[in-house]
Structures are given as structure tokens and as C-alpha cells.
Amino acid sequence: MTAVDEIVDRYQGGKSALIQILLDIQREYYWLPKEALIRLSERLEIPLNQIYHIATFYTAFSLTPRGRHQVMVCTGTACYIRGAPQLLHKVEEMLKVKPGKTSSDMRFTLITANCLGCCALGPVMVINGEYHGNPTTADLGHIFEACE
């Protein structure tokens, strides 16, 4: 039994849970591999193009491999004014990866966001769902080291 089969079984094959199933598949693989989507299409008896339509509509989904840790730097107006370009540059240098790309060891994917909704903390970086407001270079080192 594949991971996709196990995930579908958790939802008792419910087509209405498609988005949640896709989220679980992405949590398992860190992206949505084509083979997984084909298997999902077979299991739920949903046309593959319909699954792709949903997977490409929502920005939460990725059809390209992502790292185990998603690093998101806010580049919205408030964060930009408070130093987001400098924060992004530090993160790029430390991770050796550009925005929208994944490190060669598949450890980190760097993403920029227009707004993370916590402007008072800016500039802000989110990694694995944890928000870090105005982190220093030392803070970034500790944060990245803690990520296996």
C-alpha cells in the first residue's frame, strides 16, 4: 500500500475531502508528485485534470519538489520599509538559495510573500509555521541549525 492509499483510506475514499487529501499528500512528500496524483485520481475516480486544476489554483500546493523546511520572508510594504530586502539577502546567503528555489540538499525552500499579516513584527520570516520578527544574523543561524 502506498502513502497515497493510506491517506485516502483515512478519509474513507471521500471525494469531498480532496483538498485535505492533497494537503496530506503534500505534507508527506513536501510537494505533489505526478505519480501520487495519478494514484489519487484512480482511487477517488476523479479525472486527473480536475485534480490538477485544484492543485494549480491554490498557492498552498506545489507541483515541484520543495525542501523539508519552508522559509517564507515577507516582502510586503511594512516589512519592506523595515528591512525585508536585507533580511531576504541574509537568508539567501545563509541558505545558498534564491526565492522560489530549493536547496540542493532538499532541506530548505525559500519563498517570498506579499504580506503575512503581522506588520508590527516586521521584517518577518516564517519557518515551519513559526514567526520570527526582525531576526538577527545570529538568530537566523540558530533557527536554521535547529532544522534537520
N, C-alpha and C. Protein backbone atom coordinates (compact mmCIF):
# COMPACT_ATOMS: atom_id res chain seq x y z
N MET A 1 0.86 -1.18 0.00
CA MET A 1 0.00 0.00 0.00
C MET A 1 0.90 1.24 0.00
N THR A 2 0.57 2.19 -0.84
CA THR A 2 1.35 3.42 -0.92
C THR A 2 0.88 4.43 0.12
N ALA A 3 1.68 5.47 0.30
CA ALA A 3 1.30 6.54 1.23
C ALA A 3 -0.01 7.19 0.77
N VAL A 4 -0.19 7.31 -0.54
CA VAL A 4 -1.43 7.90 -1.07
C VAL A 4 -2.62 7.03 -0.68
N ASP A 5 -2.48 5.73 -0.81
CA ASP A 5 -3.57 4.83 -0.42
C ASP A 5 -3.91 4.98 1.06
N GLU A 6 -2.89 5.06 1.89
CA GLU A 6 -3.12 5.22 3.33
C GLU A 6 -3.85 6.53 3.63
N ILE A 7 -3.45 7.59 2.95
CA ILE A 7 -4.09 8.89 3.16
C ILE A 7 -5.55 8.84 2.71
N VAL A 8 -5.80 8.28 1.54
CA VAL A 8 -7.18 8.18 1.03
C VAL A 8 -8.02 7.34 1.98
N ASP A 9 -7.45 6.25 2.48
CA ASP A 9 -8.18 5.38 3.40
C ASP A 9 -8.58 6.11 4.68
N ARG A 10 -7.72 7.03 5.14
CA ARG A 10 -8.06 7.82 6.34
C ARG A 10 -9.34 8.61 6.16
N TYR A 11 -9.58 9.03 4.92
CA TYR A 11 -10.78 9.81 4.62
C TYR A 11 -11.87 8.94 4.02
N GLN A 12 -11.69 7.65 4.13
CA GLN A 12 -12.67 6.67 3.67
C GLN A 12 -13.05 6.90 2.20
N GLY A 13 -12.05 7.31 1.42
CA GLY A 13 -12.26 7.48 -0.02
C GLY A 13 -13.20 8.60 -0.37
N GLY A 14 -13.40 9.53 0.54
CA GLY A 14 -14.35 10.62 0.32
C GLY A 14 -13.86 11.66 -0.66
N LYS A 15 -14.57 11.79 -1.77
CA LYS A 15 -14.20 12.79 -2.77
C LYS A 15 -14.30 14.21 -2.22
N SER A 16 -15.19 14.41 -1.27
CA SER A 16 -15.37 15.75 -0.71
C SER A 16 -14.16 16.20 0.10
N ALA A 17 -13.27 15.28 0.42
CA ALA A 17 -12.08 15.60 1.20
C ALA A 17 -10.86 15.82 0.30
N LEU A 18 -11.07 16.04 -0.98
CA LEU A 18 -9.97 16.13 -1.93
C LEU A 18 -8.90 17.14 -1.51
N ILE A 19 -9.29 18.33 -1.12
CA ILE A 19 -8.30 19.33 -0.76
C ILE A 19 -7.50 18.89 0.46
N GLN A 20 -8.17 18.34 1.46
CA GLN A 20 -7.46 17.86 2.64
C GLN A 20 -6.54 16.70 2.29
N ILE A 21 -6.97 15.83 1.40
CA ILE A 21 -6.13 14.72 0.96
C ILE A 21 -4.89 15.26 0.24
N LEU A 22 -5.07 16.26 -0.62
CA LEU A 22 -3.93 16.86 -1.30
C LEU A 22 -2.96 17.50 -0.30
N LEU A 23 -3.51 18.15 0.71
CA LEU A 23 -2.65 18.74 1.75
C LEU A 23 -1.85 17.65 2.47
N ASP A 24 -2.50 16.54 2.77
CA ASP A 24 -1.81 15.44 3.44
C ASP A 24 -0.74 14.81 2.55
N ILE A 25 -1.03 14.68 1.27
CA ILE A 25 -0.03 14.15 0.33
C ILE A 25 1.16 15.09 0.28
N GLN A 26 0.89 16.39 0.22
CA GLN A 26 1.99 17.35 0.18
C GLN A 26 2.78 17.31 1.49
N ARG A 27 2.11 17.14 2.60
CA ARG A 27 2.80 17.03 3.89
C ARG A 27 3.72 15.80 3.90
N GLU A 28 3.29 14.74 3.25
CA GLU A 28 4.07 13.50 3.19
C GLU A 28 5.31 13.65 2.30
N TYR A 29 5.13 14.26 1.11
CA TYR A 29 6.22 14.33 0.13
C TYR A 29 6.87 15.71 0.03
N TYR A 30 6.26 16.72 0.66
CA TYR A 30 6.68 18.13 0.58
C TYR A 30 6.33 18.77 -0.76
N TRP A 31 5.64 18.03 -1.60
CA TRP A 31 5.11 18.53 -2.88
C TRP A 31 4.12 17.50 -3.38
N LEU A 32 3.53 17.73 -4.57
CA LEU A 32 2.56 16.81 -5.14
C LEU A 32 3.16 16.11 -6.36
N PRO A 33 3.78 14.95 -6.15
CA PRO A 33 4.37 14.23 -7.29
C PRO A 33 3.29 13.74 -8.26
N LYS A 34 3.63 13.72 -9.53
CA LYS A 34 2.69 13.29 -10.57
C LYS A 34 2.15 11.89 -10.29
N GLU A 35 3.03 10.98 -9.88
CA GLU A 35 2.61 9.59 -9.61
C GLU A 35 1.56 9.54 -8.50
N ALA A 36 1.74 10.39 -7.50
CA ALA A 36 0.77 10.44 -6.39
C ALA A 36 -0.58 10.95 -6.87
N LEU A 37 -0.56 11.94 -7.75
CA LEU A 37 -1.81 12.49 -8.26
C LEU A 37 -2.53 11.49 -9.17
N ILE A 38 -1.76 10.74 -9.92
CA ILE A 38 -2.36 9.70 -10.77
C ILE A 38 -3.04 8.65 -9.88
N ARG A 39 -2.34 8.22 -8.84
CA ARG A 39 -2.91 7.22 -7.92
C ARG A 39 -4.15 7.78 -7.24
N LEU A 40 -4.10 9.05 -6.84
CA LEU A 40 -5.26 9.69 -6.21
C LEU A 40 -6.44 9.72 -7.17
N SER A 41 -6.18 10.05 -8.42
CA SER A 41 -7.22 10.08 -9.44
C SER A 41 -7.89 8.71 -9.57
N GLU A 42 -7.07 7.66 -9.59
CA GLU A 42 -7.61 6.30 -9.68
C GLU A 42 -8.44 5.94 -8.46
N ARG A 43 -7.91 6.23 -7.28
CA ARG A 43 -8.59 5.86 -6.04
C ARG A 43 -9.91 6.58 -5.84
N LEU A 44 -9.94 7.89 -6.14
CA LEU A 44 -11.15 8.67 -5.92
C LEU A 44 -12.07 8.71 -7.14
N GLU A 45 -11.58 8.16 -8.24
CA GLU A 45 -12.32 8.19 -9.50
C GLU A 45 -12.70 9.62 -9.88
N ILE A 46 -11.69 10.47 -9.78
CA ILE A 46 -11.80 11.88 -10.17
C ILE A 46 -10.83 12.08 -11.33
N PRO A 47 -11.27 12.72 -12.41
CA PRO A 47 -10.35 12.94 -13.54
C PRO A 47 -9.08 13.68 -13.10
N LEU A 48 -7.95 13.24 -13.63
CA LEU A 48 -6.66 13.82 -13.27
C LEU A 48 -6.62 15.32 -13.54
N ASN A 49 -7.23 15.75 -14.63
CA ASN A 49 -7.22 17.19 -14.94
C ASN A 49 -7.97 18.00 -13.89
N GLN A 50 -8.97 17.43 -13.26
CA GLN A 50 -9.70 18.13 -12.20
C GLN A 50 -8.80 18.27 -10.96
N ILE A 51 -8.03 17.24 -10.68
CA ILE A 51 -7.10 17.30 -9.55
C ILE A 51 -6.03 18.35 -9.82
N TYR A 52 -5.51 18.37 -11.05
CA TYR A 52 -4.51 19.38 -11.42
C TYR A 52 -5.09 20.79 -11.35
N HIS A 53 -6.34 20.93 -11.72
CA HIS A 53 -6.99 22.24 -11.65
C HIS A 53 -6.95 22.77 -10.22
N ILE A 54 -7.28 21.93 -9.28
CA ILE A 54 -7.27 22.33 -7.86
C ILE A 54 -5.84 22.56 -7.38
N ALA A 55 -4.94 21.66 -7.75
CA ALA A 55 -3.55 21.76 -7.30
C ALA A 55 -2.85 23.01 -7.82
N THR A 56 -3.26 23.49 -8.99
CA THR A 56 -2.64 24.70 -9.54
C THR A 56 -3.38 25.97 -9.12
N PHE A 57 -4.60 25.84 -8.65
CA PHE A 57 -5.37 27.02 -8.24
C PHE A 57 -4.88 27.55 -6.89
N TYR A 58 -4.66 26.66 -5.94
CA TYR A 58 -4.28 27.07 -4.59
C TYR A 58 -2.76 27.16 -4.45
N THR A 59 -2.29 28.30 -3.96
CA THR A 59 -0.85 28.51 -3.82
C THR A 59 -0.24 27.64 -2.72
N ALA A 60 -1.04 27.04 -1.90
CA ALA A 60 -0.52 26.15 -0.85
C ALA A 60 0.08 24.88 -1.44
N PHE A 61 -0.30 24.56 -2.68
CA PHE A 61 0.18 23.33 -3.31
C PHE A 61 1.37 23.62 -4.23
N SER A 62 2.26 22.65 -4.32
CA SER A 62 3.40 22.76 -5.21
C SER A 62 3.51 21.52 -6.08
N LEU A 63 3.70 21.74 -7.36
CA LEU A 63 3.90 20.63 -8.29
C LEU A 63 5.38 20.41 -8.57
N THR A 64 6.22 21.15 -7.88
CA THR A 64 7.67 20.95 -7.97
C THR A 64 8.20 20.63 -6.59
N PRO A 65 9.28 19.86 -6.51
CA PRO A 65 9.80 19.47 -5.20
C PRO A 65 10.15 20.66 -4.32
N ARG A 66 9.81 20.54 -3.05
CA ARG A 66 10.13 21.55 -2.05
C ARG A 66 10.98 20.92 -0.97
N GLY A 67 11.68 21.77 -0.27
CA GLY A 67 12.51 21.31 0.84
C GLY A 67 11.66 20.90 2.04
N ARG A 68 12.32 20.24 2.98
CA ARG A 68 11.62 19.80 4.19
C ARG A 68 11.17 20.97 5.04
N HIS A 69 11.84 22.11 4.86
CA HIS A 69 11.51 23.31 5.64
C HIS A 69 11.23 24.46 4.69
N GLN A 70 10.05 25.06 4.83
CA GLN A 70 9.66 26.19 4.01
C GLN A 70 10.03 27.47 4.75
N VAL A 71 10.87 28.28 4.14
CA VAL A 71 11.28 29.56 4.73
C VAL A 71 10.59 30.65 3.92
N MET A 72 9.72 31.39 4.59
CA MET A 72 8.96 32.43 3.90
C MET A 72 9.35 33.79 4.48
N VAL A 73 9.77 34.69 3.61
CA VAL A 73 10.14 36.04 4.02
C VAL A 73 9.10 37.00 3.47
N CYS A 74 8.55 37.82 4.35
CA CYS A 74 7.54 38.80 3.93
C CYS A 74 8.25 39.96 3.24
N THR A 75 7.74 40.32 2.06
CA THR A 75 8.28 41.46 1.32
C THR A 75 7.21 42.53 1.11
N GLY A 76 6.16 42.47 1.93
CA GLY A 76 5.09 43.47 1.86
C GLY A 76 5.61 44.84 2.25
N THR A 77 4.79 45.85 2.05
CA THR A 77 5.20 47.24 2.25
C THR A 77 5.78 47.51 3.64
N ALA A 78 5.08 47.12 4.70
CA ALA A 78 5.56 47.40 6.06
C ALA A 78 6.89 46.69 6.31
N CYS A 79 6.99 45.43 5.92
CA CYS A 79 8.24 44.69 6.12
C CYS A 79 9.35 45.25 5.23
N TYR A 80 8.99 45.62 4.02
CA TYR A 80 9.97 46.19 3.10
C TYR A 80 10.61 47.44 3.71
N ILE A 81 9.78 48.32 4.24
CA ILE A 81 10.27 49.56 4.84
C ILE A 81 11.14 49.27 6.06
N ARG A 82 10.83 48.20 6.76
CA ARG A 82 11.55 47.85 7.99
C ARG A 82 12.77 46.94 7.74
N GLY A 83 13.09 46.67 6.50
CA GLY A 83 14.32 45.93 6.23
C GLY A 83 14.18 44.56 5.60
N ALA A 84 13.05 44.26 4.99
CA ALA A 84 12.86 42.95 4.36
C ALA A 84 13.92 42.65 3.29
N PRO A 85 14.31 43.63 2.46
CA PRO A 85 15.34 43.30 1.46
C PRO A 85 16.64 42.80 2.09
N GLN A 86 17.04 43.42 3.21
CA GLN A 86 18.26 43.00 3.89
C GLN A 86 18.08 41.61 4.52
N LEU A 87 16.91 41.37 5.11
CA LEU A 87 16.63 40.06 5.70
C LEU A 87 16.64 38.99 4.62
N LEU A 88 15.99 39.24 3.52
CA LEU A 88 15.96 38.28 2.43
C LEU A 88 17.37 37.99 1.92
N HIS A 89 18.19 39.03 1.79
CA HIS A 89 19.56 38.85 1.33
C HIS A 89 20.35 37.96 2.30
N LYS A 90 20.19 38.21 3.62
CA LYS A 90 20.88 37.39 4.63
C LYS A 90 20.45 35.93 4.52
N VAL A 91 19.13 35.71 4.37
CA VAL A 91 18.61 34.35 4.27
C VAL A 91 19.15 33.67 3.02
N GLU A 92 19.15 34.38 1.89
CA GLU A 92 19.69 33.83 0.64
C GLU A 92 21.14 33.41 0.81
N GLU A 93 21.93 34.26 1.44
CA GLU A 93 23.36 33.96 1.64
C GLU A 93 23.55 32.76 2.55
N MET A 94 22.79 32.70 3.63
CA MET A 94 22.97 31.62 4.60
C MET A 94 22.50 30.27 4.06
N LEU A 95 21.39 30.28 3.31
CA LEU A 95 20.85 29.03 2.79
C LEU A 95 21.41 28.68 1.41
N LYS A 96 22.06 29.67 0.78
CA LYS A 96 22.59 29.49 -0.58
C LYS A 96 21.48 29.08 -1.55
N VAL A 97 20.37 29.82 -1.47
CA VAL A 97 19.22 29.54 -2.33
C VAL A 97 18.49 30.85 -2.62
N LYS A 98 17.96 30.96 -3.81
CA LYS A 98 17.21 32.15 -4.23
C LYS A 98 15.71 31.92 -4.00
N PRO A 99 14.93 33.01 -3.90
CA PRO A 99 13.49 32.86 -3.73
C PRO A 99 12.85 32.01 -4.83
N GLY A 100 11.96 31.14 -4.42
CA GLY A 100 11.28 30.25 -5.36
C GLY A 100 12.06 28.98 -5.64
N LYS A 101 13.23 28.84 -5.04
CA LYS A 101 14.09 27.68 -5.30
C LYS A 101 14.27 26.85 -4.03
N THR A 102 14.76 25.64 -4.24
CA THR A 102 15.00 24.70 -3.15
C THR A 102 16.48 24.38 -3.09
N SER A 103 17.01 24.29 -1.89
CA SER A 103 18.43 23.97 -1.73
C SER A 103 18.73 22.59 -2.30
N SER A 104 19.97 22.40 -2.72
CA SER A 104 20.35 21.14 -3.38
C SER A 104 20.18 19.93 -2.47
N ASP A 105 20.25 20.14 -1.16
CA ASP A 105 20.08 19.02 -0.22
C ASP A 105 18.61 18.78 0.14
N MET A 106 17.72 19.52 -0.51
CA MET A 106 16.26 19.41 -0.30
C MET A 106 15.87 19.76 1.14
N ARG A 107 16.68 20.54 1.79
CA ARG A 107 16.41 20.90 3.18
C ARG A 107 15.51 22.14 3.28
N PHE A 108 15.77 23.15 2.44
CA PHE A 108 15.03 24.41 2.53
C PHE A 108 14.48 24.84 1.17
N THR A 109 13.28 25.41 1.21
CA THR A 109 12.72 26.12 0.06
C THR A 109 12.48 27.55 0.52
N LEU A 110 12.98 28.50 -0.24
CA LEU A 110 12.82 29.92 0.11
C LEU A 110 11.69 30.51 -0.72
N ILE A 111 10.77 31.14 -0.02
CA ILE A 111 9.58 31.72 -0.65
C ILE A 111 9.43 33.15 -0.15
N THR A 112 8.95 34.04 -1.01
CA THR A 112 8.60 35.38 -0.55
C THR A 112 7.09 35.51 -0.55
N ALA A 113 6.59 36.36 0.32
CA ALA A 113 5.15 36.59 0.42
C ALA A 113 4.89 38.09 0.42
N ASN A 114 3.76 38.47 -0.15
CA ASN A 114 3.40 39.89 -0.19
C ASN A 114 2.98 40.43 1.16
N CYS A 115 2.42 39.60 2.02
CA CYS A 115 2.05 40.02 3.36
C CYS A 115 1.74 38.78 4.19
N LEU A 116 2.26 38.75 5.39
CA LEU A 116 2.00 37.64 6.31
C LEU A 116 1.06 38.06 7.44
N GLY A 117 0.61 39.31 7.40
CA GLY A 117 -0.40 39.77 8.34
C GLY A 117 0.10 40.07 9.74
N CYS A 118 1.39 40.31 9.89
CA CYS A 118 1.92 40.66 11.22
C CYS A 118 2.91 41.80 11.05
N CYS A 119 2.42 42.87 10.47
CA CYS A 119 3.25 44.01 10.06
C CYS A 119 4.05 44.62 11.21
N ALA A 120 3.52 44.60 12.41
CA ALA A 120 4.21 45.21 13.55
C ALA A 120 5.49 44.46 13.91
N LEU A 121 5.62 43.23 13.49
CA LEU A 121 6.81 42.42 13.80
C LEU A 121 7.90 42.57 12.76
N GLY A 122 7.61 43.27 11.67
CA GLY A 122 8.47 43.29 10.51
C GLY A 122 9.89 43.77 10.74
N PRO A 123 10.79 43.31 9.87
CA PRO A 123 10.55 42.34 8.83
C PRO A 123 10.36 40.94 9.42
N VAL A 124 9.53 40.15 8.78
CA VAL A 124 9.13 38.85 9.33
C VAL A 124 9.55 37.71 8.42
N MET A 125 9.95 36.62 9.08
CA MET A 125 10.25 35.38 8.40
C MET A 125 9.45 34.29 9.11
N VAL A 126 8.88 33.37 8.33
CA VAL A 126 8.15 32.23 8.91
C VAL A 126 8.84 30.97 8.43
N ILE A 127 9.13 30.08 9.37
CA ILE A 127 9.69 28.79 9.01
C ILE A 127 8.96 27.73 9.81
N ASN A 128 8.43 26.76 9.08
CA ASN A 128 7.66 25.67 9.71
C ASN A 128 6.53 26.20 10.58
N GLY A 129 5.90 27.27 10.14
CA GLY A 129 4.77 27.83 10.85
C GLY A 129 5.13 28.71 12.03
N GLU A 130 6.41 28.89 12.31
CA GLU A 130 6.85 29.72 13.44
C GLU A 130 7.31 31.08 12.92
N TYR A 131 6.75 32.15 13.49
CA TYR A 131 7.05 33.51 13.05
C TYR A 131 8.27 34.05 13.80
N HIS A 132 9.14 34.76 13.06
CA HIS A 132 10.34 35.36 13.64
C HIS A 132 10.38 36.81 13.18
N GLY A 133 10.21 37.72 14.11
CA GLY A 133 10.22 39.14 13.79
C GLY A 133 11.61 39.73 13.93
N ASN A 134 12.05 40.39 12.87
CA ASN A 134 13.32 41.10 12.82
C ASN A 134 14.48 40.25 13.37
N PRO A 135 14.67 39.05 12.83
CA PRO A 135 15.74 38.19 13.35
C PRO A 135 17.13 38.70 12.98
N THR A 136 18.06 38.57 13.91
CA THR A 136 19.45 38.93 13.65
C THR A 136 20.11 37.80 12.88
N THR A 137 21.33 38.05 12.41
CA THR A 137 22.08 37.01 11.72
C THR A 137 22.30 35.82 12.65
N ALA A 138 22.60 36.11 13.92
CA ALA A 138 22.79 35.03 14.91
C ALA A 138 21.49 34.25 15.09
N ASP A 139 20.36 34.96 15.17
CA ASP A 139 19.05 34.28 15.29
C ASP A 139 18.83 33.35 14.11
N LEU A 140 19.11 33.85 12.92
CA LEU A 140 18.91 33.03 11.71
C LEU A 140 19.78 31.78 11.78
N GLY A 141 21.01 31.92 12.21
CA GLY A 141 21.89 30.77 12.33
C GLY A 141 21.32 29.71 13.25
N HIS A 142 20.81 30.13 14.40
CA HIS A 142 20.22 29.19 15.36
C HIS A 142 18.95 28.55 14.78
N ILE A 143 18.14 29.35 14.12
CA ILE A 143 16.88 28.84 13.55
C ILE A 143 17.18 27.78 12.49
N PHE A 144 18.10 28.07 11.59
CA PHE A 144 18.41 27.15 10.51
C PHE A 144 19.13 25.89 11.01
N GLU A 145 19.98 26.04 12.01
CA GLU A 145 20.67 24.89 12.60
C GLU A 145 19.68 23.94 13.26
N ALA A 146 18.61 24.47 13.82
CA ALA A 146 17.61 23.64 14.50
C ALA A 146 16.78 22.82 13.53
N CYS A 147 16.85 23.16 12.26
CA CYS A 147 16.10 22.43 11.25
C CYS A 147 16.92 21.27 10.73
N GLU A 148 16.43 20.08 10.96
CA GLU A 148 17.14 18.89 10.49
C GLU A 148 17.07 18.77 9.00
